[in-house]
Amino acid sequence: MKINHVGWVTNDLQKFESFWVKTLGFKKIWESHLTSEMTLALFAIGGGARCLRYQKDQIIVECHVFDTPVAKNKLPFQRFGLNHICLWVRNRQEFLKKHSFQTHIYHNPKGWDNIFIRDFEGNWIELKETFKKEKK
């Protein structure tokens, strides 16, 4: 089993694409439009929405942009549930030098750091890299 995609809702597709496409290198692979009936069934909000998918390597991000902007507190899933996604990068420090993200670093007592950035809407994104095991 693997994650198929991670879903996002935004009112600002330009900022979404600036972050995911221009900064992180994702490419748009698909676009469709959801009818008002479909958005009512999926999000409990009528009115229709664009649905776009972006991919980089094996990661797919699905973005929903409602035809009429929606207040964050009107989204039924903006309470509990998905609280972050994690992206693997080859070298976190090099990645962070290339981009000017505000970072949140949690120093794990076992000796490694959990590094998080936030996108333009405040979503948490953890950065992972593969560490070489030390030989004893």
Protein backbone atom coordinates (compact mmCIF):
# COMPACT_ATOMS: atom_id res chain seq x y z
CA MET A 1 0.00 0.00 0.00
CA LYS A 2 1.15 3.56 -0.69
CA ILE A 3 -0.38 7.00 -0.60
CA ASN A 4 -2.05 7.80 -3.92
CA HIS A 5 -2.18 11.56 -3.50
CA VAL A 6 -2.44 14.35 -0.95
CA GLY A 7 -5.40 16.72 -1.30
CA TRP A 8 -5.31 20.48 -0.86
CA VAL A 9 -7.97 23.19 -0.99
CA THR A 10 -6.94 26.75 -1.80
CA ASN A 11 -8.50 30.03 -2.84
CA ASP A 12 -5.26 31.16 -4.49
CA LEU A 13 -4.11 28.90 -7.33
CA GLN A 14 -1.37 31.36 -8.28
CA LYS A 15 0.29 31.07 -4.85
CA PHE A 16 -0.28 27.30 -4.82
CA GLU A 17 1.50 26.92 -8.18
CA SER A 18 4.24 29.35 -7.18
CA PHE A 19 5.03 27.10 -4.20
CA TRP A 20 4.44 23.61 -5.64
CA VAL A 21 5.43 24.18 -9.30
CA LYS A 22 7.99 26.99 -9.32
CA THR A 23 9.64 26.32 -5.96
CA LEU A 24 9.37 22.54 -5.55
CA GLY A 25 9.35 21.53 -9.23
CA PHE A 26 5.99 19.74 -9.51
CA LYS A 27 4.32 19.59 -12.95
CA LYS A 28 0.61 19.81 -13.68
CA ILE A 29 -0.52 16.43 -15.03
CA TRP A 30 -4.32 16.67 -15.03
CA GLU A 31 -7.20 19.12 -14.67
CA SER A 32 -10.96 18.73 -14.43
CA HIS A 33 -13.99 20.53 -13.04
CA LEU A 34 -16.22 19.17 -10.27
CA THR A 35 -19.91 19.99 -10.50
CA SER A 36 -21.77 21.68 -7.66
CA GLU A 37 -23.37 18.31 -6.83
CA MET A 38 -19.94 16.70 -6.60
CA THR A 39 -18.44 19.40 -4.33
CA LEU A 40 -21.55 19.17 -2.16
CA ALA A 41 -21.03 15.41 -1.82
CA LEU A 42 -17.25 15.63 -1.24
CA PHE A 43 -16.88 18.83 0.78
CA ALA A 44 -20.43 19.70 1.94
CA ILE A 45 -20.06 22.92 -0.09
CA GLY A 46 -21.90 23.48 -3.37
CA GLY A 47 -20.83 25.66 -6.25
CA GLY A 48 -18.31 23.59 -8.20
CA ALA A 49 -14.52 23.57 -8.18
CA ARG A 50 -11.49 23.09 -10.37
CA CYS A 51 -9.56 19.93 -9.59
CA LEU A 52 -5.90 19.85 -10.62
CA ARG A 53 -3.16 17.27 -10.06
CA TYR A 54 0.56 17.93 -9.89
CA GLN A 55 3.33 15.35 -9.80
CA LYS A 56 7.03 15.13 -9.03
CA ASP A 57 8.62 11.70 -9.04
CA GLN A 58 6.10 9.43 -7.27
CA ILE A 59 4.37 12.22 -5.30
CA ILE A 60 0.98 13.53 -6.45
CA VAL A 61 -0.69 16.59 -4.96
CA GLU A 62 -4.34 17.22 -5.84
CA CYS A 63 -5.60 20.81 -5.59
CA HIS A 64 -9.23 21.94 -5.37
CA VAL A 65 -10.12 25.57 -6.14
CA PHE A 66 -13.78 26.40 -5.56
CA ASP A 67 -15.52 28.53 -8.19
CA THR A 68 -16.47 30.94 -5.39
CA PRO A 69 -13.81 31.50 -2.68
CA VAL A 70 -14.54 29.61 0.53
CA ALA A 71 -13.76 30.64 4.11
CA LYS A 72 -11.37 28.19 5.79
CA ASN A 73 -13.76 27.64 8.71
CA LYS A 74 -16.48 26.51 6.27
CA LEU A 75 -14.46 23.45 5.24
CA PRO A 76 -15.66 20.43 7.22
CA PHE A 77 -12.20 18.79 7.32
CA GLN A 78 -10.31 21.83 8.71
CA ARG A 79 -10.40 20.40 12.22
CA PHE A 80 -8.63 17.09 12.79
CA GLY A 81 -7.01 14.74 10.33
CA LEU A 82 -4.09 15.39 8.02
CA ASN A 83 -1.70 17.70 9.82
CA HIS A 84 1.38 17.48 7.62
CA ILE A 85 2.93 15.78 4.64
CA CYS A 86 6.53 14.70 4.39
CA LEU A 87 8.77 15.22 1.35
CA TRP A 88 12.03 13.36 0.87
CA VAL A 89 14.88 15.56 -0.34
CA ARG A 90 18.44 14.51 -1.12
CA ASN A 91 19.99 17.03 1.27
CA ARG A 92 17.84 19.14 3.59
CA GLN A 93 20.46 21.81 4.25
CA GLU A 94 21.13 22.34 0.52
CA PHE A 95 17.38 22.43 -0.13
CA LEU A 96 16.86 25.06 2.59
CA LYS A 97 19.77 27.18 1.26
CA LYS A 98 18.08 27.31 -2.17
CA HIS A 99 14.71 28.43 -0.78
CA SER A 100 13.86 31.03 1.82
CA PHE A 101 11.43 29.06 3.98
CA GLN A 102 10.68 29.74 7.59
CA THR A 103 11.73 26.52 9.30
CA HIS A 104 10.71 24.83 12.51
CA ILE A 105 13.32 22.40 13.80
CA TYR A 106 12.63 19.88 16.52
CA HIS A 107 15.76 18.31 18.00
CA ASN A 108 15.05 14.67 18.69
CA PRO A 109 16.76 13.34 21.84
CA LYS A 110 18.01 10.36 19.80
CA GLY A 111 20.24 12.67 17.80
CA TRP A 112 18.40 13.69 14.65
CA ASP A 113 16.32 16.71 13.72
CA ASN A 114 12.80 16.87 12.40
CA ILE A 115 12.68 19.84 10.04
CA PHE A 116 9.38 21.41 9.00
CA ILE A 117 8.56 24.24 6.63
CA ARG A 118 5.20 25.88 5.97
CA ASP A 119 3.65 26.65 2.61
CA PHE A 120 1.89 29.93 1.80
CA GLU A 121 -1.31 28.80 3.58
CA GLY A 122 0.40 27.57 6.72
CA ASN A 123 0.39 23.83 5.94
CA TRP A 124 3.20 21.89 7.63
CA ILE A 125 5.62 20.08 5.34
CA GLU A 126 8.28 17.87 6.90
CA LEU A 127 11.59 17.41 5.09
CA LYS A 128 13.26 13.98 5.26
CA GLU A 129 16.54 12.79 3.89
CA THR A 130 18.24 9.42 4.03
CA PHE A 131 21.06 9.28 6.52
CA LYS A 132 24.05 6.99 6.12
CA LYS A 133 24.36 4.54 8.98
CA GLU A 134 27.52 4.94 10.97
CA LYS A 135 29.78 1.89 11.08
CA LYS A 136 30.68 0.76 14.59
